[in-house]
Protein backbone atom coordinates (compact mmCIF):
# COMPACT_ATOMS: atom_id res chain seq x y z
CA MET A 1 -77.97 13.69 -87.77
CA THR A 2 -75.40 16.09 -86.30
CA GLY A 3 -72.81 17.86 -88.32
CA GLN A 4 -70.07 15.57 -87.02
CA GLU A 5 -72.07 12.47 -87.90
CA LEU A 6 -72.53 13.78 -91.49
CA VAL A 7 -68.69 14.42 -91.59
CA ASP A 8 -67.97 10.88 -90.40
CA LEU A 9 -70.40 9.43 -93.02
CA ALA A 10 -68.88 11.41 -95.78
CA ALA A 11 -65.41 10.17 -94.75
CA ARG A 12 -66.64 6.58 -95.00
CA ILE A 13 -68.56 6.77 -98.28
CA GLY A 14 -66.17 9.27 -100.05
CA PRO A 15 -63.63 6.70 -101.23
CA VAL A 16 -66.43 4.32 -102.22
CA MET A 17 -68.06 6.97 -104.39
CA VAL A 18 -64.59 7.89 -105.97
CA PHE A 19 -64.15 4.15 -106.79
CA LEU A 20 -67.69 3.86 -108.26
CA VAL A 21 -67.09 6.86 -110.57
CA ALA A 22 -63.60 5.87 -111.57
CA MET A 23 -64.38 2.25 -112.38
CA THR A 24 -67.41 3.26 -114.36
CA VAL A 25 -65.14 5.49 -116.48
CA VAL A 26 -62.54 2.67 -116.77
CA ALA A 27 -65.32 0.29 -117.99
CA GLU A 28 -66.81 2.77 -120.41
CA VAL A 29 -63.56 3.59 -122.09
CA ALA A 30 -62.59 -0.12 -122.23
CA GLU A 31 -65.91 -0.71 -124.07
CA ILE A 32 -65.14 2.10 -126.50
CA ALA A 33 -61.69 0.77 -127.04
CA GLY A 34 -63.18 -2.66 -127.94
CA VAL A 35 -61.70 -4.63 -125.05
CA PHE A 36 -64.95 -6.54 -124.42
CA ASP A 37 -65.74 -7.01 -128.13
CA VAL A 38 -62.26 -8.49 -128.70
CA ALA A 39 -62.47 -10.71 -125.68
CA ALA A 40 -65.86 -12.06 -126.70
CA HIS A 41 -64.72 -12.84 -130.24
CA TRP A 42 -61.54 -14.43 -129.07
CA THR A 43 -63.79 -16.53 -126.82
CA ALA A 44 -65.98 -17.57 -129.87
CA HIS A 45 -62.78 -18.57 -131.77
CA ALA A 46 -61.39 -20.47 -128.80
CA GLY A 47 -64.73 -22.38 -128.38
CA ARG A 48 -63.85 -24.51 -131.43
CA ARG A 49 -67.57 -24.39 -132.57
CA ARG A 50 -68.62 -26.25 -129.37
CA THR A 51 -71.30 -24.28 -127.59
CA TRP A 52 -70.60 -25.83 -124.14
CA LEU A 53 -66.89 -24.89 -124.46
CA LEU A 54 -67.76 -21.39 -125.64
CA TRP A 55 -70.06 -21.11 -122.60
CA LEU A 56 -67.37 -22.26 -120.20
CA LEU A 57 -65.05 -19.55 -121.65
CA VAL A 58 -67.79 -16.96 -121.16
CA VAL A 59 -68.14 -18.23 -117.59
CA ALA A 60 -64.45 -17.55 -117.10
CA LEU A 61 -64.64 -14.15 -118.89
CA ALA A 62 -67.72 -13.06 -116.85
CA THR A 63 -66.13 -14.24 -113.61
CA ALA A 64 -62.84 -12.49 -114.17
CA CYS A 65 -64.56 -9.30 -115.33
CA THR A 66 -66.71 -9.27 -112.20
CA ILE A 67 -63.89 -9.96 -109.79
CA VAL A 68 -61.56 -7.26 -111.23
CA LEU A 69 -63.83 -4.74 -112.89
CA SER A 70 -66.92 -5.11 -110.67
CA ILE A 71 -70.47 -6.46 -110.95
CA ASP A 72 -71.84 -3.60 -112.98
CA THR A 73 -69.22 -3.98 -115.75
CA THR A 74 -70.29 -7.58 -116.41
CA ALA A 75 -73.93 -6.92 -116.23
CA VAL A 76 -74.03 -3.67 -118.27
CA LEU A 77 -71.07 -3.92 -120.72
CA LEU A 78 -70.36 -7.57 -121.21
CA THR A 79 -74.00 -8.62 -121.61
CA PRO A 80 -74.72 -6.85 -124.88
CA VAL A 81 -71.51 -8.09 -126.43
CA VAL A 82 -72.33 -11.69 -125.42
CA ILE A 83 -75.94 -11.44 -126.70
CA ALA A 84 -74.68 -10.02 -130.03
CA MET A 85 -72.14 -12.83 -130.30
CA THR A 86 -74.66 -15.59 -129.80
CA ARG A 87 -76.88 -14.00 -132.50
CA GLN A 88 -73.97 -14.03 -134.93
CA LEU A 89 -73.25 -17.69 -133.97
CA GLY A 90 -76.90 -18.72 -134.32
CA ILE A 91 -77.10 -20.13 -130.81
CA ALA A 92 -79.58 -19.61 -127.82
CA ALA A 93 -79.00 -16.21 -126.13
CA MET A 94 -80.69 -16.74 -122.83
CA PRO A 95 -78.22 -19.19 -121.25
CA PHE A 96 -75.47 -16.71 -122.02
CA ALA A 97 -77.40 -13.67 -120.81
CA LEU A 98 -78.27 -15.45 -117.47
CA THR A 99 -74.58 -16.42 -117.19
CA THR A 100 -73.52 -12.80 -117.27
CA VAL A 101 -76.12 -11.57 -114.73
CA TRP A 102 -76.02 -14.42 -112.32
CA LEU A 103 -72.13 -14.48 -112.21
CA ALA A 104 -72.12 -10.67 -111.97
CA ASN A 105 -73.75 -11.16 -108.68
CA THR A 106 -72.52 -14.54 -107.32
CA ALA A 107 -68.92 -14.03 -108.43
CA SER A 108 -68.73 -10.73 -106.65
CA LEU A 109 -67.45 -11.89 -103.34
CA LEU A 110 -63.67 -12.39 -103.83
CA LEU A 111 -62.27 -8.86 -103.80
CA PRO A 112 -63.44 -5.75 -102.09
CA VAL A 113 -63.77 -4.02 -105.54
CA SER A 114 -66.03 -6.76 -107.01
CA ASN A 115 -69.20 -5.26 -105.41
CA LEU A 116 -70.25 -1.93 -103.99
CA SER A 117 -71.40 -3.72 -100.78
CA ASN A 118 -67.95 -5.19 -100.32
CA LEU A 119 -66.35 -1.80 -100.53
CA ILE A 120 -68.80 -0.33 -98.00
CA ALA A 121 -68.03 -3.34 -95.73
CA LEU A 122 -64.28 -2.61 -95.79
CA HIS A 123 -64.85 0.05 -92.98
CA ARG A 124 -66.30 -2.64 -90.67
CA PHE A 125 -63.78 -5.31 -91.69
CA SER A 126 -60.99 -2.86 -90.90
CA ALA A 127 -62.46 -2.20 -87.46
CA LEU A 128 -62.25 -5.92 -86.80
CA GLY A 129 -58.68 -6.08 -87.92
CA VAL A 130 -59.45 -7.56 -91.28
CA GLY A 131 -57.30 -5.96 -94.09
CA THR A 132 -57.39 -6.64 -97.79
CA HIS A 133 -55.37 -9.89 -97.65
CA GLU A 134 -57.28 -11.21 -94.67
CA TYR A 135 -60.49 -10.30 -96.60
CA ILE A 136 -59.48 -12.45 -99.47
CA ALA A 137 -58.40 -15.29 -97.20
CA LEU A 138 -61.85 -15.14 -95.72
CA ALA A 139 -63.71 -14.89 -98.93
CA TRP A 140 -62.08 -17.24 -101.35
CA ARG A 141 -63.88 -20.39 -100.15
CA PRO A 142 -67.45 -19.08 -100.21
CA ALA A 143 -66.63 -17.07 -103.41
CA LEU A 144 -65.43 -20.29 -105.18
CA ALA A 145 -68.37 -22.29 -103.86
CA ALA A 146 -70.93 -19.56 -105.11
CA ILE A 147 -69.31 -19.61 -108.58
CA LEU A 148 -69.24 -23.38 -108.82
CA ALA A 149 -72.96 -23.76 -107.70
CA THR A 150 -73.96 -21.16 -110.30
CA VAL A 151 -72.17 -22.92 -113.05
CA VAL A 152 -73.84 -26.19 -112.13
CA VAL A 153 -77.32 -24.67 -112.02
CA LEU A 154 -76.72 -22.97 -115.38
CA PHE A 155 -75.69 -26.11 -117.01
CA VAL A 156 -78.44 -28.24 -115.64
CA LEU A 157 -81.10 -25.72 -116.69
CA HIS A 158 -79.65 -25.15 -120.16
CA ARG A 159 -77.82 -28.34 -121.01
CA ARG A 160 -79.90 -28.94 -124.16
CA ASP A 161 -78.94 -25.47 -125.56
CA LEU A 162 -75.28 -25.91 -124.51
CA LEU A 163 -74.72 -29.35 -126.00
CA THR A 164 -74.84 -28.10 -129.60
CA ARG A 165 -72.41 -26.68 -132.14
CA TYR A 166 -72.11 -23.45 -133.95
CA ASP A 167 -70.74 -22.74 -137.49
CA LEU A 168 -70.09 -19.16 -137.86
CA ASP A 169 -66.87 -17.73 -136.39
CA PRO A 170 -67.09 -13.90 -137.00
CA PRO A 171 -64.03 -11.75 -136.70
CA ALA A 172 -64.04 -8.77 -134.16
CA ASP A 173 -64.75 -5.35 -135.41
CA PRO A 174 -61.73 -3.11 -136.29
CA HIS A 175 -60.44 -1.02 -133.30
CA ASP A 176 -57.77 1.53 -132.61
CA ARG A 177 -54.75 -0.72 -131.64
CA VAL A 178 -53.14 1.80 -129.37
CA LEU A 179 -56.41 2.50 -127.44
CA LEU A 180 -57.25 -1.25 -127.38
CA TRP A 181 -53.84 -2.23 -126.03
CA VAL A 182 -53.65 0.51 -123.41
CA ALA A 183 -57.17 -0.11 -122.21
CA GLY A 184 -56.62 -3.86 -122.03
CA GLY A 185 -53.24 -3.36 -120.15
CA ILE A 186 -54.85 -1.06 -117.62
CA CYS A 187 -57.70 -3.48 -116.96
CA VAL A 188 -55.26 -6.26 -116.37
CA ALA A 189 -52.97 -4.08 -114.23
CA LEU A 190 -55.90 -3.09 -111.94
CA GLY A 191 -56.24 -6.78 -110.68
CA PRO A 192 -52.85 -6.75 -108.84
CA ALA A 193 -53.35 -3.17 -107.79
CA PHE A 194 -56.63 -3.94 -106.04
CA VAL A 195 -55.08 -6.78 -103.97
CA SER A 196 -52.00 -4.82 -103.01
CA GLY A 197 -53.59 -3.31 -99.98
CA VAL A 198 -53.77 0.14 -101.42
CA THR A 199 -57.19 2.01 -101.06
CA PRO A 200 -59.01 0.74 -104.21
CA ALA A 201 -60.06 4.23 -105.19
CA ILE A 202 -56.40 5.21 -105.83
CA PRO A 203 -55.53 2.81 -108.66
CA ALA A 204 -59.06 3.15 -110.06
CA ALA A 205 -58.82 6.84 -110.24
CA ILE A 206 -55.32 6.71 -111.79
CA GLY A 207 -56.48 4.13 -114.42
CA ALA A 208 -59.55 6.29 -115.23
CA VAL A 209 -57.51 9.41 -115.73
CA ALA A 210 -54.94 7.65 -117.90
CA LEU A 211 -57.63 6.03 -120.10
CA VAL A 212 -59.52 9.34 -120.50
CA ALA A 213 -56.18 11.00 -121.52
CA VAL A 214 -55.46 8.27 -124.13
CA LEU A 215 -59.07 8.42 -125.38
CA ALA A 216 -58.82 12.19 -125.82
CA TRP A 217 -55.55 11.60 -127.82
CA ARG A 218 -56.75 8.84 -130.01
CA TRP A 219 -60.51 9.55 -130.37
CA PRO A 220 -61.42 12.90 -128.95
CA SER A 221 -64.93 13.01 -130.14
CA ARG A 222 -65.77 9.95 -128.00
CA VAL A 223 -64.69 11.52 -124.72
CA ARG A 224 -68.12 13.18 -124.33
CA THR A 225 -69.84 9.88 -124.62
CA VAL A 226 -68.24 8.48 -121.40
CA ALA A 227 -71.13 8.44 -118.94
CA VAL A 228 -70.46 9.18 -115.34
CA PRO A 229 -73.12 7.66 -112.98
CA TRP A 230 -73.87 10.83 -110.95
CA VAL A 231 -77.52 9.70 -110.36
CA MET A 232 -76.26 6.37 -108.91
CA VAL A 233 -73.74 8.21 -106.63
CA LEU A 234 -76.58 10.50 -105.37
CA ALA A 235 -78.89 7.60 -104.80
CA VAL A 236 -76.32 5.61 -102.80
CA CYS A 237 -75.61 8.71 -100.66
CA VAL A 238 -79.26 9.09 -99.98
CA LEU A 239 -79.49 5.48 -99.03
CA PHE A 240 -76.85 5.87 -96.52
CA VAL A 241 -78.49 8.70 -94.84
CA VAL A 242 -82.05 7.13 -94.90
CA VAL A 243 -80.74 3.77 -93.37
CA ASP A 244 -78.72 5.63 -90.76
CA VAL A 245 -81.74 7.60 -89.65
CA ALA A 246 -83.85 4.50 -89.59
CA MET A 247 -81.43 2.54 -87.50
CA ARG A 248 -81.34 5.33 -84.96
CA HIS A 249 -85.16 5.07 -84.59
CA GLY A 250 -85.60 1.44 -83.76
CA LEU A 251 -84.68 -0.55 -86.85
CA GLU A 252 -81.48 -1.89 -85.38
CA SER A 253 -83.25 -3.80 -82.46
CA VAL A 254 -85.70 -5.41 -84.83
CA LEU A 255 -82.99 -6.66 -87.13
CA ALA A 256 -80.79 -7.84 -84.27
CA GLY A 257 -83.56 -10.20 -83.27
CA LEU A 258 -83.84 -11.58 -86.72
CA VAL A 259 -80.04 -12.37 -87.36
CA GLY A 260 -79.11 -13.51 -83.82
CA GLY A 261 -75.90 -12.82 -82.09
CA ASP A 262 -74.06 -16.05 -81.56
CA ALA A 263 -71.26 -17.43 -83.68
CA GLY A 264 -73.52 -20.19 -85.08
CA SER A 265 -75.93 -17.85 -86.68
CA LEU A 266 -74.02 -17.43 -89.98
CA TRP A 267 -76.86 -19.08 -91.91
CA ARG A 268 -79.42 -16.78 -90.27
CA VAL A 269 -77.35 -13.67 -91.12
CA GLY A 270 -76.79 -14.81 -94.81
CA LEU A 271 -80.47 -15.94 -95.42
CA VAL A 272 -81.87 -12.70 -93.85
CA GLY A 273 -79.39 -10.69 -95.99
CA ALA A 274 -80.63 -12.54 -99.16
CA ALA A 275 -84.31 -12.04 -98.28
CA GLY A 276 -83.79 -8.34 -97.53
CA ALA A 277 -81.91 -7.83 -100.81
CA ASN A 278 -84.76 -9.35 -102.85
CA VAL A 279 -87.46 -7.46 -101.05
CA VAL A 280 -85.80 -3.96 -101.22
CA ASN A 281 -82.35 -4.07 -102.78
CA ASN A 282 -78.94 -5.36 -101.79
CA LEU A 283 -77.45 -2.06 -100.88
CA PRO A 284 -80.11 -0.86 -98.39
CA ALA A 285 -80.26 -4.48 -97.09
CA TYR A 286 -76.58 -4.46 -96.41
CA LEU A 287 -76.59 -0.98 -94.77
CA ALA A 288 -79.48 -1.96 -92.43
CA LEU A 289 -78.06 -5.36 -91.51
CA GLU A 290 -74.33 -4.35 -91.12
CA PRO A 291 -74.52 -3.04 -87.56
CA VAL A 292 -76.20 -6.22 -86.23
CA SER A 293 -73.96 -8.59 -88.24
CA ASP A 294 -70.44 -7.33 -87.49
CA GLY A 295 -69.51 -9.37 -84.40
CA SER A 296 -66.86 -11.14 -86.49
CA GLY A 297 -65.34 -11.31 -89.86
CA GLU A 298 -67.28 -14.43 -90.60
CA ARG A 299 -70.70 -12.92 -89.83
CA LEU A 300 -69.94 -9.87 -91.87
CA MET A 301 -68.89 -12.28 -94.73
CA ALA A 302 -72.10 -14.25 -94.29
CA LEU A 303 -74.07 -11.06 -94.79
CA LEU A 304 -72.16 -10.28 -97.97
CA VAL A 305 -72.90 -13.84 -99.25
CA GLY A 306 -76.60 -13.12 -98.74
CA VAL A 307 -76.81 -9.65 -100.19
CA ASN A 308 -74.52 -10.47 -103.16
CA ALA A 309 -75.05 -14.08 -104.23
CA GLY A 310 -78.63 -14.10 -102.97
CA SER A 311 -79.92 -10.85 -104.58
CA ILE A 312 -80.64 -12.46 -108.03
CA VAL A 313 -84.24 -13.64 -107.41
CA THR A 314 -86.04 -10.36 -108.12
CA VAL A 315 -85.07 -8.02 -110.92
CA TRP A 316 -84.70 -5.21 -108.37
CA GLY A 317 -82.56 -7.15 -106.02
CA SER A 318 -79.41 -5.49 -107.26
CA LEU A 319 -78.94 -2.44 -109.41
CA ALA A 320 -76.77 -4.42 -111.78
CA THR A 321 -79.69 -6.89 -112.50
CA LEU A 322 -81.94 -3.90 -113.30
CA LEU A 323 -79.36 -2.47 -115.70
CA TRP A 324 -78.83 -5.94 -117.23
CA ARG A 325 -82.58 -6.38 -117.90
CA ASP A 326 -82.63 -3.05 -119.62
CA ARG A 327 -79.60 -4.00 -121.75
CA CYS A 328 -81.25 -7.31 -122.63
CA ARG A 329 -84.36 -5.32 -123.69
CA ARG A 330 -82.33 -3.05 -125.86
CA ALA A 331 -80.73 -6.03 -127.50
CA GLY A 332 -84.13 -7.58 -128.27
CA LEU A 333 -84.11 -10.29 -125.60
CA THR A 334 -87.27 -10.26 -123.49
CA VAL A 335 -86.78 -11.14 -119.79
CA ALA A 336 -90.15 -11.69 -118.01
CA ALA A 337 -89.90 -11.17 -114.26
CA GLY A 338 -91.86 -14.29 -113.33
CA PRO A 339 -89.96 -16.99 -115.18
CA TYR A 340 -86.73 -15.16 -114.45
CA ALA A 341 -87.50 -15.23 -110.65
CA VAL A 342 -88.17 -18.97 -110.73
CA ARG A 343 -84.93 -19.80 -112.38
CA SER A 344 -82.95 -17.31 -110.28
CA LEU A 345 -84.46 -18.81 -107.03
CA LEU A 346 -82.79 -22.18 -107.86
CA CYS A 347 -79.53 -20.45 -108.54
CA ALA A 348 -79.70 -18.20 -105.45
CA VAL A 349 -80.53 -21.15 -103.09
CA ALA A 350 -77.67 -23.22 -104.54
CA ALA A 351 -75.12 -20.38 -104.56
CA VAL A 352 -75.96 -18.97 -101.02
CA SER A 353 -76.21 -22.49 -99.47
CA ALA A 354 -72.84 -23.60 -101.03
CA ALA A 355 -71.06 -20.32 -99.97
CA LEU A 356 -72.43 -20.33 -96.46
CA LEU A 357 -71.51 -24.07 -96.11
CA ALA A 358 -68.04 -23.27 -97.32
CA LEU A 359 -67.80 -20.42 -94.90
CA SER A 360 -68.97 -22.34 -91.85
CA LEU A 361 -66.60 -25.20 -92.59
CA ALA A 362 -63.59 -22.96 -93.03
């Protein structure tokens, strides 16, 4: 790569990396403040001791968390809270754990900030004349279809565990009220900020700085525990460079033949994207397929459907799924790759098919 090409690449991925770091900080401080703990316990109380109602509320919580705070927040921070809640209530943990990881992936289409692949795609969407509002107008139908399909599959697979009742209704742990309310308020405020058309990195960075300042004021000893994902940032940057070099050495022509170039190839684009995400990972799959899938906003959205909603079959299909599995292990919940893949394949087929159908009929 030439120096100018590296500069152009840095200009493209710079805002994405700023957003990734900022939103990780926001999510970490929100967890320290107790936002997820309080939300989960409020959900348990609102469930009225009916497991199916509690599960639907967790579905809503996981969906909202994914859409506004991103896929990794749901998979990494909400999952252990939900598992702990199920243990306290004496109900099956696996349906709720699968709910968080599947919706972390399948519910990550609606906003550009919901998934790192969406943010990366903004550059191409912008070149096609698709801004934030146009993106949402294009994404809401497949996003809704993917979410509904996921919910249906989850209920069908786990209906026996969900059609039960629970007795214990534990209170949330005590939290610093100022820190809790400020963190909760910033998380809520980020939603409208992300759909305002402003570059997502800006409100995310402002929110992160504000939360760290409040944390330093209210609980200074916890500031050093806020983890910044520098390794993930480095890995994503390396992926960009590797894929760019591979595309310049013949990979692009091979992939172009796989996805086709006509307007009716939305299904091919989405299915190839899903397959690629499960073979390697959703980010390199998106980066490799983006140049041959950007003939229209619909084709690019079909690719996002595949690499986002379709990446759940293998545990390495998305970074969020890998992190989720580790969080489950730490919480004492074993997730075997084989059985997980079988169940996730059913969900992926349903979610991707429903989303692509909604996109093609729009």
